[in-house]
N, C-alpha and C. Protein backbone atom coordinates (compact mmCIF):
# COMPACT_ATOMS: atom_id res chain seq x y z
N MET A 1 1.84 -6.51 -26.29
CA MET A 1 2.86 -5.50 -26.13
C MET A 1 2.29 -4.34 -25.32
N ILE A 2 3.10 -3.81 -24.42
CA ILE A 2 2.67 -2.70 -23.58
C ILE A 2 2.74 -1.40 -24.38
N LYS A 3 1.65 -0.64 -24.32
CA LYS A 3 1.63 0.65 -25.00
C LYS A 3 2.13 1.72 -24.03
N LEU A 4 3.15 2.44 -24.46
CA LEU A 4 3.72 3.50 -23.64
C LEU A 4 3.45 4.85 -24.28
N LYS A 5 3.28 5.86 -23.44
CA LYS A 5 3.09 7.21 -23.94
C LYS A 5 4.36 7.71 -24.59
N PHE A 6 4.20 8.71 -25.45
CA PHE A 6 5.34 9.30 -26.14
C PHE A 6 6.35 9.85 -25.14
N SER A 7 5.88 10.51 -24.09
CA SER A 7 6.79 11.09 -23.11
C SER A 7 7.59 10.00 -22.38
N THR A 8 7.01 8.84 -22.22
CA THR A 8 7.73 7.73 -21.61
C THR A 8 8.88 7.28 -22.50
N TRP A 9 8.61 7.18 -23.79
CA TRP A 9 9.67 6.81 -24.74
C TRP A 9 10.77 7.85 -24.76
N VAL A 10 10.41 9.12 -24.66
CA VAL A 10 11.41 10.19 -24.64
C VAL A 10 12.31 10.03 -23.42
N TRP A 11 11.73 9.73 -22.25
CA TRP A 11 12.51 9.54 -21.04
C TRP A 11 13.42 8.32 -21.15
N ILE A 12 12.91 7.25 -21.69
CA ILE A 12 13.72 6.03 -21.83
C ILE A 12 14.89 6.29 -22.78
N LEU A 13 14.62 6.94 -23.90
CA LEU A 13 15.68 7.25 -24.86
C LEU A 13 16.71 8.18 -24.25
N THR A 14 16.27 9.19 -23.52
CA THR A 14 17.19 10.11 -22.86
C THR A 14 18.07 9.38 -21.85
N TYR A 15 17.46 8.50 -21.07
CA TYR A 15 18.20 7.72 -20.08
C TYR A 15 19.29 6.88 -20.74
N VAL A 16 18.92 6.20 -21.80
CA VAL A 16 19.88 5.33 -22.50
C VAL A 16 21.00 6.14 -23.13
N VAL A 17 20.67 7.25 -23.78
CA VAL A 17 21.69 8.06 -24.45
C VAL A 17 22.65 8.68 -23.45
N VAL A 18 22.12 9.26 -22.39
CA VAL A 18 22.98 9.92 -21.40
C VAL A 18 23.89 8.91 -20.70
N LEU A 19 23.35 7.77 -20.33
CA LEU A 19 24.15 6.82 -19.59
C LEU A 19 25.08 5.98 -20.45
N SER A 20 24.82 5.89 -21.73
CA SER A 20 25.73 5.13 -22.60
C SER A 20 26.76 6.03 -23.27
N ALA A 21 26.69 7.32 -23.07
CA ALA A 21 27.66 8.24 -23.69
C ALA A 21 29.10 7.91 -23.31
N PRO A 22 29.41 7.60 -22.04
CA PRO A 22 30.81 7.24 -21.74
C PRO A 22 31.26 5.98 -22.46
N LEU A 23 30.37 5.02 -22.65
CA LEU A 23 30.74 3.79 -23.34
C LEU A 23 31.07 4.07 -24.80
N ILE A 24 30.24 4.87 -25.43
CA ILE A 24 30.48 5.22 -26.83
C ILE A 24 31.79 6.00 -26.96
N GLY A 25 32.00 6.96 -26.06
CA GLY A 25 33.23 7.74 -26.09
C GLY A 25 34.46 6.91 -25.81
N GLY A 26 34.36 5.95 -24.90
CA GLY A 26 35.50 5.12 -24.56
C GLY A 26 35.86 4.12 -25.63
N VAL A 27 34.88 3.66 -26.37
CA VAL A 27 35.15 2.67 -27.41
C VAL A 27 35.67 3.32 -28.69
N PHE A 28 35.12 4.47 -29.03
CA PHE A 28 35.50 5.09 -30.30
C PHE A 28 36.62 6.11 -30.18
N ASN A 29 36.93 6.57 -28.98
CA ASN A 29 38.01 7.54 -28.79
C ASN A 29 39.13 6.86 -28.03
N LEU A 30 39.85 6.01 -28.72
CA LEU A 30 40.89 5.21 -28.09
C LEU A 30 42.13 6.06 -27.80
N ALA A 31 42.60 6.02 -26.55
CA ALA A 31 43.83 6.70 -26.19
C ALA A 31 45.00 5.90 -26.75
N HIS A 32 46.03 6.59 -27.17
CA HIS A 32 47.18 5.92 -27.76
C HIS A 32 47.89 5.04 -26.74
N GLY A 33 48.15 3.82 -27.14
CA GLY A 33 48.92 2.90 -26.32
C GLY A 33 48.12 2.15 -25.27
N ARG A 34 46.85 2.48 -25.08
CA ARG A 34 46.08 1.80 -24.05
C ARG A 34 45.34 0.59 -24.58
N GLY A 35 44.95 0.57 -25.81
CA GLY A 35 44.28 -0.58 -26.38
C GLY A 35 42.78 -0.57 -26.12
N PHE A 36 42.10 -1.41 -26.89
CA PHE A 36 40.65 -1.46 -26.82
C PHE A 36 40.14 -1.89 -25.46
N TRP A 37 40.68 -2.99 -24.90
CA TRP A 37 40.12 -3.55 -23.67
C TRP A 37 40.28 -2.63 -22.48
N LEU A 38 41.42 -1.95 -22.38
CA LEU A 38 41.60 -1.00 -21.28
C LEU A 38 40.61 0.16 -21.41
N ASN A 39 40.46 0.69 -22.62
CA ASN A 39 39.50 1.77 -22.84
C ASN A 39 38.07 1.30 -22.59
N PHE A 40 37.74 0.09 -23.01
CA PHE A 40 36.41 -0.45 -22.80
C PHE A 40 36.14 -0.62 -21.30
N SER A 41 37.13 -1.10 -20.56
CA SER A 41 36.98 -1.27 -19.12
C SER A 41 36.75 0.08 -18.43
N VAL A 42 37.53 1.08 -18.80
CA VAL A 42 37.36 2.42 -18.23
C VAL A 42 35.98 2.97 -18.57
N ALA A 43 35.55 2.77 -19.82
CA ALA A 43 34.23 3.24 -20.23
C ALA A 43 33.12 2.55 -19.43
N LEU A 44 33.26 1.24 -19.19
CA LEU A 44 32.27 0.54 -18.37
C LEU A 44 32.22 1.10 -16.95
N GLY A 45 33.37 1.46 -16.42
CA GLY A 45 33.41 2.07 -15.10
C GLY A 45 32.67 3.40 -15.08
N PHE A 46 32.84 4.20 -16.12
CA PHE A 46 32.13 5.48 -16.20
C PHE A 46 30.63 5.29 -16.42
N VAL A 47 30.27 4.28 -17.19
CA VAL A 47 28.83 3.98 -17.37
C VAL A 47 28.22 3.57 -16.03
N ALA A 48 28.91 2.72 -15.28
CA ALA A 48 28.40 2.32 -13.96
C ALA A 48 28.27 3.54 -13.05
N LEU A 49 29.26 4.41 -13.07
CA LEU A 49 29.21 5.61 -12.25
C LEU A 49 28.03 6.50 -12.63
N SER A 50 27.82 6.68 -13.92
CA SER A 50 26.69 7.51 -14.36
C SER A 50 25.35 6.84 -14.06
N MET A 51 25.31 5.51 -14.12
CA MET A 51 24.07 4.82 -13.76
C MET A 51 23.78 4.95 -12.27
N PHE A 52 24.80 4.87 -11.44
CA PHE A 52 24.58 5.06 -10.01
C PHE A 52 24.11 6.48 -9.72
N GLY A 53 24.66 7.45 -10.43
CA GLY A 53 24.18 8.82 -10.27
C GLY A 53 22.75 8.98 -10.76
N GLY A 54 22.42 8.31 -11.86
CA GLY A 54 21.07 8.37 -12.40
C GLY A 54 20.04 7.73 -11.49
N GLN A 55 20.47 6.87 -10.59
CA GLN A 55 19.54 6.24 -9.66
C GLN A 55 18.87 7.28 -8.77
N PHE A 56 19.58 8.35 -8.44
CA PHE A 56 19.00 9.39 -7.59
C PHE A 56 17.90 10.15 -8.32
N VAL A 57 18.06 10.31 -9.62
CA VAL A 57 17.02 11.00 -10.40
C VAL A 57 15.77 10.13 -10.49
N LEU A 58 15.96 8.84 -10.63
CA LEU A 58 14.81 7.94 -10.77
C LEU A 58 13.90 7.95 -9.55
N VAL A 59 14.46 8.10 -8.38
CA VAL A 59 13.65 8.03 -7.16
C VAL A 59 13.52 9.39 -6.47
N SER A 60 13.72 10.45 -7.21
CA SER A 60 13.72 11.79 -6.62
C SER A 60 12.32 12.32 -6.31
N ARG A 61 11.29 11.69 -6.84
CA ARG A 61 9.89 12.08 -6.63
C ARG A 61 9.57 13.46 -7.20
N MET A 62 10.35 13.91 -8.15
CA MET A 62 10.01 15.16 -8.85
C MET A 62 8.90 14.84 -9.84
N GLN A 63 7.91 15.71 -9.90
CA GLN A 63 6.73 15.44 -10.72
C GLN A 63 7.08 15.27 -12.20
N TRP A 64 8.00 16.05 -12.70
CA TRP A 64 8.34 15.95 -14.12
C TRP A 64 9.06 14.65 -14.45
N VAL A 65 9.56 13.94 -13.43
CA VAL A 65 10.17 12.64 -13.65
C VAL A 65 9.15 11.53 -13.46
N THR A 66 8.31 11.65 -12.43
CA THR A 66 7.38 10.56 -12.11
C THR A 66 6.10 10.58 -12.93
N ARG A 67 5.70 11.73 -13.44
CA ARG A 67 4.43 11.83 -14.15
C ARG A 67 4.33 10.91 -15.37
N PRO A 68 5.33 10.82 -16.24
CA PRO A 68 5.16 9.98 -17.44
C PRO A 68 4.99 8.49 -17.15
N MET A 69 5.61 7.97 -16.09
CA MET A 69 5.59 6.53 -15.87
C MET A 69 4.96 6.10 -14.56
N GLY A 70 4.91 6.95 -13.60
CA GLY A 70 4.39 6.59 -12.30
C GLY A 70 5.51 6.14 -11.37
N MET A 71 5.31 6.37 -10.09
CA MET A 71 6.36 6.08 -9.11
C MET A 71 6.62 4.58 -8.98
N ASP A 72 5.59 3.76 -9.05
CA ASP A 72 5.80 2.31 -8.91
C ASP A 72 6.66 1.76 -10.04
N ALA A 73 6.40 2.20 -11.25
CA ALA A 73 7.20 1.74 -12.39
C ALA A 73 8.64 2.24 -12.28
N LEU A 74 8.81 3.47 -11.80
CA LEU A 74 10.17 4.00 -11.64
C LEU A 74 10.94 3.24 -10.56
N MET A 75 10.26 2.87 -9.49
CA MET A 75 10.94 2.12 -8.44
C MET A 75 11.36 0.73 -8.93
N ALA A 76 10.51 0.09 -9.72
CA ALA A 76 10.87 -1.21 -10.29
C ALA A 76 12.05 -1.06 -11.25
N PHE A 77 12.01 -0.02 -12.07
CA PHE A 77 13.12 0.25 -13.00
C PHE A 77 14.39 0.56 -12.23
N HIS A 78 14.27 1.33 -11.16
CA HIS A 78 15.40 1.69 -10.31
C HIS A 78 16.08 0.43 -9.76
N LYS A 79 15.29 -0.52 -9.31
CA LYS A 79 15.85 -1.76 -8.76
C LYS A 79 16.59 -2.56 -9.82
N ARG A 80 15.98 -2.67 -11.00
CA ARG A 80 16.63 -3.43 -12.08
C ARG A 80 17.93 -2.76 -12.55
N MET A 81 17.90 -1.43 -12.66
CA MET A 81 19.08 -0.71 -13.12
C MET A 81 20.19 -0.74 -12.08
N ALA A 82 19.86 -0.88 -10.81
CA ALA A 82 20.89 -1.04 -9.78
C ALA A 82 21.67 -2.32 -10.01
N TYR A 83 20.96 -3.39 -10.37
CA TYR A 83 21.64 -4.65 -10.67
C TYR A 83 22.52 -4.52 -11.92
N VAL A 84 22.01 -3.86 -12.93
CA VAL A 84 22.79 -3.67 -14.17
C VAL A 84 24.04 -2.84 -13.89
N ALA A 85 23.88 -1.76 -13.14
CA ALA A 85 25.02 -0.91 -12.81
C ALA A 85 26.06 -1.67 -11.99
N THR A 86 25.59 -2.53 -11.10
CA THR A 86 26.51 -3.33 -10.30
C THR A 86 27.29 -4.30 -11.18
N VAL A 87 26.64 -4.89 -12.15
CA VAL A 87 27.34 -5.79 -13.08
C VAL A 87 28.40 -5.01 -13.85
N PHE A 88 28.05 -3.82 -14.36
CA PHE A 88 29.04 -3.00 -15.06
C PHE A 88 30.21 -2.64 -14.14
N ALA A 89 29.90 -2.30 -12.90
CA ALA A 89 30.96 -1.94 -11.96
C ALA A 89 31.87 -3.12 -11.64
N LEU A 90 31.34 -4.33 -11.66
CA LEU A 90 32.16 -5.51 -11.39
C LEU A 90 32.93 -5.97 -12.63
N VAL A 91 32.35 -5.79 -13.80
CA VAL A 91 33.03 -6.18 -15.04
C VAL A 91 34.20 -5.24 -15.33
N HIS A 92 34.08 -3.99 -14.91
CA HIS A 92 35.13 -2.99 -15.13
C HIS A 92 36.50 -3.48 -14.66
N PRO A 93 36.70 -3.85 -13.39
CA PRO A 93 38.03 -4.34 -13.00
C PRO A 93 38.31 -5.76 -13.47
N THR A 94 37.25 -6.55 -13.66
CA THR A 94 37.46 -7.93 -14.11
C THR A 94 38.17 -7.97 -15.45
N ILE A 95 37.78 -7.08 -16.35
CA ILE A 95 38.46 -7.01 -17.66
C ILE A 95 39.93 -6.68 -17.47
N LEU A 96 40.22 -5.75 -16.57
CA LEU A 96 41.62 -5.39 -16.33
C LEU A 96 42.42 -6.57 -15.79
N PHE A 97 41.83 -7.31 -14.85
CA PHE A 97 42.54 -8.44 -14.26
C PHE A 97 42.76 -9.56 -15.27
N ILE A 98 41.82 -9.74 -16.19
CA ILE A 98 41.96 -10.79 -17.21
C ILE A 98 43.00 -10.40 -18.26
N LYS A 99 43.00 -9.15 -18.67
CA LYS A 99 43.85 -8.74 -19.79
C LYS A 99 45.31 -8.49 -19.40
N ASP A 100 45.57 -8.14 -18.14
CA ASP A 100 46.95 -7.82 -17.77
C ASP A 100 47.19 -8.22 -16.31
N GLU A 101 48.21 -9.03 -16.09
CA GLU A 101 48.51 -9.52 -14.75
C GLU A 101 49.08 -8.45 -13.84
N LYS A 102 49.49 -7.32 -14.39
CA LYS A 102 50.09 -6.28 -13.54
C LYS A 102 49.07 -5.65 -12.57
N TYR A 103 47.77 -5.88 -12.80
CA TYR A 103 46.74 -5.32 -11.93
C TYR A 103 46.42 -6.22 -10.73
N TRP A 104 46.88 -7.46 -10.74
CA TRP A 104 46.58 -8.40 -9.65
C TRP A 104 47.09 -7.92 -8.29
N PRO A 105 48.29 -7.34 -8.20
CA PRO A 105 48.76 -6.88 -6.87
C PRO A 105 47.87 -5.80 -6.24
N LEU A 106 47.04 -5.16 -7.01
CA LEU A 106 46.14 -4.14 -6.45
C LEU A 106 45.09 -4.75 -5.52
N LEU A 107 44.86 -6.05 -5.62
CA LEU A 107 43.89 -6.71 -4.75
C LEU A 107 44.44 -7.00 -3.35
N ASN A 108 45.75 -6.93 -3.20
CA ASN A 108 46.37 -7.16 -1.89
C ASN A 108 46.23 -5.86 -1.07
N VAL A 109 45.29 -5.86 -0.14
CA VAL A 109 45.01 -4.62 0.60
C VAL A 109 46.12 -4.25 1.58
N TRP A 110 47.07 -5.13 1.83
CA TRP A 110 48.16 -4.81 2.76
C TRP A 110 49.27 -4.05 2.06
N THR A 111 49.50 -4.29 0.77
CA THR A 111 50.62 -3.65 0.09
C THR A 111 50.19 -2.70 -1.03
N SER A 112 48.93 -2.65 -1.34
CA SER A 112 48.47 -1.83 -2.46
C SER A 112 48.36 -0.36 -2.05
N PRO A 113 48.34 0.55 -3.04
CA PRO A 113 48.17 1.96 -2.72
C PRO A 113 46.76 2.24 -2.16
N LEU A 114 46.60 3.41 -1.58
CA LEU A 114 45.34 3.76 -0.94
C LEU A 114 44.16 3.70 -1.92
N ARG A 115 44.37 4.12 -3.16
CA ARG A 115 43.27 4.10 -4.13
C ARG A 115 42.77 2.68 -4.38
N ALA A 116 43.67 1.71 -4.37
CA ALA A 116 43.27 0.31 -4.57
C ALA A 116 42.55 -0.22 -3.34
N LYS A 117 42.99 0.17 -2.17
CA LYS A 117 42.32 -0.24 -0.93
C LYS A 117 40.90 0.30 -0.91
N LEU A 118 40.74 1.56 -1.29
CA LEU A 118 39.42 2.17 -1.33
C LEU A 118 38.54 1.52 -2.39
N ALA A 119 39.14 1.13 -3.50
CA ALA A 119 38.37 0.46 -4.56
C ALA A 119 37.86 -0.90 -4.07
N VAL A 120 38.69 -1.65 -3.39
CA VAL A 120 38.26 -2.95 -2.84
C VAL A 120 37.16 -2.74 -1.81
N ALA A 121 37.32 -1.73 -0.95
CA ALA A 121 36.29 -1.44 0.05
C ALA A 121 34.99 -1.01 -0.62
N ALA A 122 35.08 -0.26 -1.69
CA ALA A 122 33.88 0.19 -2.41
C ALA A 122 33.15 -0.99 -3.04
N VAL A 123 33.89 -1.94 -3.60
CA VAL A 123 33.25 -3.11 -4.21
C VAL A 123 32.56 -3.95 -3.13
N VAL A 124 33.22 -4.14 -2.01
CA VAL A 124 32.61 -4.90 -0.91
C VAL A 124 31.35 -4.19 -0.42
N ALA A 125 31.42 -2.86 -0.24
CA ALA A 125 30.25 -2.10 0.22
C ALA A 125 29.12 -2.16 -0.81
N LEU A 126 29.46 -2.07 -2.08
CA LEU A 126 28.45 -2.14 -3.14
C LEU A 126 27.74 -3.50 -3.12
N LEU A 127 28.51 -4.56 -3.01
CA LEU A 127 27.90 -5.90 -2.97
C LEU A 127 27.02 -6.07 -1.74
N LEU A 128 27.45 -5.57 -0.61
CA LEU A 128 26.61 -5.65 0.59
C LEU A 128 25.33 -4.84 0.43
N LEU A 129 25.44 -3.68 -0.18
CA LEU A 129 24.26 -2.82 -0.38
C LEU A 129 23.27 -3.45 -1.33
N VAL A 130 23.75 -4.02 -2.42
CA VAL A 130 22.86 -4.57 -3.44
C VAL A 130 22.29 -5.92 -3.01
N LEU A 131 23.07 -6.73 -2.36
CA LEU A 131 22.62 -8.08 -2.03
C LEU A 131 21.78 -8.15 -0.75
N PHE A 132 21.94 -7.18 0.14
CA PHE A 132 21.20 -7.26 1.42
C PHE A 132 20.32 -6.09 1.58
């Protein structure tokens, strides 16, 4: 087993708590009439968003961030968390499409509203960024 310093454990715990807060809030604070799966999907979207934002902190090269673990370990963690965040970002709409057919027309970029067109473009850009 790898021995980690106390400050490393504090950083890991802080990372997990901050980034999972939207998931906890979305699951336990159910909006009326939306149901569990819709709230869970929205919470996953917010977790992915917060993870993508947290990626900038991981590679910021600030001494108080890099000192406990080292830059090489942070870069490796950054790469793994990018994949995890991408999975959360892809599962977010997938749950919506599985649970309710009314969301399927949003995939048609010719007739969908601008927000849906931008969402499809963002998913394509994200996949290109992560895979290449």
